[in-house]
Amino acid sequence: MKKMDIKSYWRRRDKKLLIQGKVSYLNPDEIERQSILTSLIEAKKYAKGKLLDMGCGSKPYELIFSDVVDKYVGIDLPPSKSTSKSENRADVYGSVLDLPFESESFDTVLSTQVLEHVPEPKRMLEEAYRVLKKGGYLNINCSDDLGLAWNS
């Protein structure tokens, strides 16, 4: 009898559920993602054109927006010794505090679970606003671990 690879099982199962707009509550690592996912599915109606995912990591939300945006660009810090390349699928490596993009170059800017981790949240928001085209949409999701609730 072949031994089951639990991580592979959950990855396959979660990918199918993600496409359906659901996350498995049986997987303890995914419980928090359900509220994020619900918020992103609601925000999908505002996404358009060229989308920037600030702090994209493995780009877990690219599938949600792939049918409504022309291009999905992810930026994140370069992989370190503690992260594998498969966990970081950024198109561009850099800091969300100093985005390497021209002003007004994105129609949609997305950031999920990043703002609460940066040392200068105001600067990150200023950078997001700088690269956002007039009439574009900014979607920020973050935990309220610091007693703050940020959602735009």
Protein backbone atom coordinates (compact mmCIF):
# COMPACT_ATOMS: atom_id res chain seq x y z
CA MET A 1 0.00 0.00 0.00
CA LYS A 2 1.38 3.43 -1.01
CA LYS A 3 1.87 5.93 1.82
CA MET A 4 -0.25 9.06 1.36
CA ASP A 5 1.60 12.38 1.09
CA ILE A 6 -0.60 14.60 3.27
CA LYS A 7 0.82 17.93 2.05
CA SER A 8 0.26 16.99 -1.60
CA TYR A 9 -3.27 15.89 -0.81
CA TRP A 10 -4.15 19.22 0.82
CA ARG A 11 -2.51 21.24 -1.97
CA ARG A 12 -4.59 19.45 -4.63
CA ARG A 13 -7.77 19.64 -2.57
CA ASP A 14 -7.27 23.30 -1.65
CA LYS A 15 -6.58 24.32 -5.26
CA LYS A 16 -9.90 22.79 -6.35
CA LEU A 17 -11.73 24.48 -3.47
CA LEU A 18 -10.00 27.83 -4.15
CA ILE A 19 -11.28 27.83 -7.72
CA GLN A 20 -14.79 27.23 -6.34
CA GLY A 21 -14.38 30.11 -3.86
CA LYS A 22 -14.11 27.84 -0.85
CA VAL A 23 -11.38 26.75 1.53
CA SER A 24 -11.32 23.51 3.46
CA TYR A 25 -11.95 23.95 7.18
CA LEU A 26 -10.44 20.49 7.70
CA ASN A 27 -6.99 21.86 6.92
CA PRO A 28 -5.94 23.86 10.01
CA ASP A 29 -3.49 25.98 7.96
CA GLU A 30 -6.33 27.25 5.79
CA ILE A 31 -8.99 28.35 8.30
CA GLU A 32 -8.03 32.04 8.18
CA ARG A 33 -7.96 32.05 4.38
CA GLN A 34 -11.75 31.66 4.14
CA SER A 35 -12.43 35.22 5.29
CA ILE A 36 -9.66 36.53 3.03
CA LEU A 37 -11.01 34.52 0.12
CA THR A 38 -14.55 35.80 0.67
CA SER A 39 -13.25 39.37 0.67
CA LEU A 40 -11.20 38.83 -2.51
CA ILE A 41 -14.09 37.25 -4.38
CA GLU A 42 -16.17 40.31 -3.48
CA ALA A 43 -13.31 42.60 -4.61
CA LYS A 44 -12.94 40.74 -7.92
CA LYS A 45 -15.70 42.85 -9.48
CA TYR A 46 -13.45 45.92 -9.14
CA ALA A 47 -10.29 44.34 -10.58
CA LYS A 48 -9.30 45.28 -14.11
CA GLY A 49 -6.37 45.82 -16.45
CA LYS A 50 -2.92 45.36 -15.00
CA LEU A 51 -2.92 44.14 -11.39
CA LEU A 52 -0.03 44.46 -8.91
CA ASP A 53 0.03 41.97 -6.01
CA MET A 54 2.20 43.57 -3.30
CA GLY A 55 3.84 40.87 -1.19
CA CYS A 56 2.62 38.12 -3.52
CA GLY A 57 4.50 35.16 -2.05
CA SER A 58 3.37 32.08 -3.97
CA LYS A 59 0.61 34.08 -5.72
CA PRO A 60 -2.21 32.05 -4.15
CA TYR A 61 -4.87 34.51 -5.38
CA GLU A 62 -3.81 34.74 -9.03
CA LEU A 63 -6.49 32.22 -10.05
CA ILE A 64 -9.23 34.40 -8.59
CA PHE A 65 -8.34 37.38 -10.77
CA SER A 66 -6.98 35.66 -13.90
CA ASP A 67 -10.23 35.97 -15.85
CA VAL A 68 -10.77 39.70 -15.12
CA VAL A 69 -7.29 41.22 -15.42
CA ASP A 70 -5.02 41.50 -18.44
CA LYS A 71 -1.81 40.99 -16.48
CA TYR A 72 -1.06 39.83 -12.92
CA VAL A 73 2.29 41.09 -11.60
CA GLY A 74 3.62 39.97 -8.24
CA ILE A 75 6.31 41.70 -6.20
CA ASP A 76 7.94 40.30 -3.08
CA LEU A 77 11.21 40.26 -1.24
CA PRO A 78 13.84 37.95 -2.75
CA PRO A 79 13.74 34.36 -1.47
CA SER A 80 15.89 33.86 1.60
CA LYS A 81 17.48 30.76 2.97
CA SER A 82 14.30 30.19 4.99
CA THR A 83 11.97 30.20 1.96
CA SER A 84 12.03 27.91 -1.02
CA LYS A 85 11.65 29.16 -4.58
CA SER A 86 8.31 27.34 -4.86
CA GLU A 87 6.95 29.48 -2.01
CA ASN A 88 7.91 32.71 -3.78
CA ARG A 89 6.67 33.14 -7.36
CA ALA A 90 7.27 36.88 -7.61
CA ASP A 91 7.70 38.37 -11.06
CA VAL A 92 9.74 41.19 -9.54
CA TYR A 93 11.87 41.17 -6.41
CA GLY A 94 11.86 44.35 -4.36
CA SER A 95 10.36 46.19 -1.42
CA VAL A 96 6.75 47.33 -1.14
CA LEU A 97 8.19 50.44 0.53
CA ASP A 98 10.01 51.46 -2.66
CA LEU A 99 8.18 49.96 -5.63
CA PRO A 100 10.32 49.70 -8.79
CA PHE A 101 7.47 50.78 -11.07
CA GLU A 102 6.52 54.02 -12.78
CA SER A 103 3.78 56.14 -11.24
CA GLU A 104 0.23 55.34 -12.39
CA SER A 105 1.23 52.03 -14.00
CA PHE A 106 -1.41 49.68 -12.50
CA ASP A 107 -5.21 49.61 -12.75
CA THR A 108 -5.56 47.44 -9.65
CA VAL A 109 -3.31 47.05 -6.61
CA LEU A 110 -3.81 44.13 -4.22
CA SER A 111 -2.11 43.41 -0.92
CA THR A 112 -3.15 40.56 1.31
CA GLN A 113 -1.72 39.99 4.80
CA VAL A 114 1.30 42.25 4.18
CA LEU A 115 0.58 45.69 5.65
CA GLU A 116 0.80 44.48 9.25
CA HIS A 117 4.31 43.11 8.60
CA VAL A 118 6.01 46.18 7.14
CA PRO A 119 7.89 48.65 9.37
CA GLU A 120 6.31 51.67 7.66
CA PRO A 121 2.67 50.94 6.73
CA LYS A 122 1.99 54.55 5.72
CA ARG A 123 4.87 54.46 3.24
CA MET A 124 3.57 51.20 1.75
CA LEU A 125 0.14 52.79 1.24
CA GLU A 126 1.74 55.86 -0.35
CA GLU A 127 3.64 53.61 -2.77
CA ALA A 128 0.47 51.69 -3.62
CA TYR A 129 -1.31 54.96 -4.33
CA ARG A 130 1.62 56.23 -6.42
CA VAL A 131 1.60 53.26 -8.82
CA LEU A 132 -2.21 53.14 -9.03
CA LYS A 133 -3.76 54.78 -12.10
CA LYS A 134 -6.43 57.41 -11.58
CA GLY A 135 -9.77 55.59 -11.36
CA GLY A 136 -8.01 52.38 -10.31
CA TYR A 137 -8.78 50.21 -7.30
CA LEU A 138 -6.71 49.37 -4.24
CA ASN A 139 -7.62 46.28 -2.22
CA ILE A 140 -5.86 45.88 1.12
CA ASN A 141 -6.56 42.98 3.45
CA CYS A 142 -4.75 42.65 6.73
CA SER A 143 -5.20 41.05 10.09
CA ASP A 144 -6.05 43.15 13.09
CA ASP A 145 -3.37 41.65 15.32
CA LEU A 146 -2.34 45.18 16.30
CA GLY A 147 -5.87 46.22 17.15
CA LEU A 148 -6.34 47.82 13.75
CA ALA A 149 -8.81 46.87 11.04
CA TRP A 150 -7.64 47.70 7.53
CA ASN A 151 -9.77 46.82 4.55
CA SER A 152 -10.18 48.94 1.50
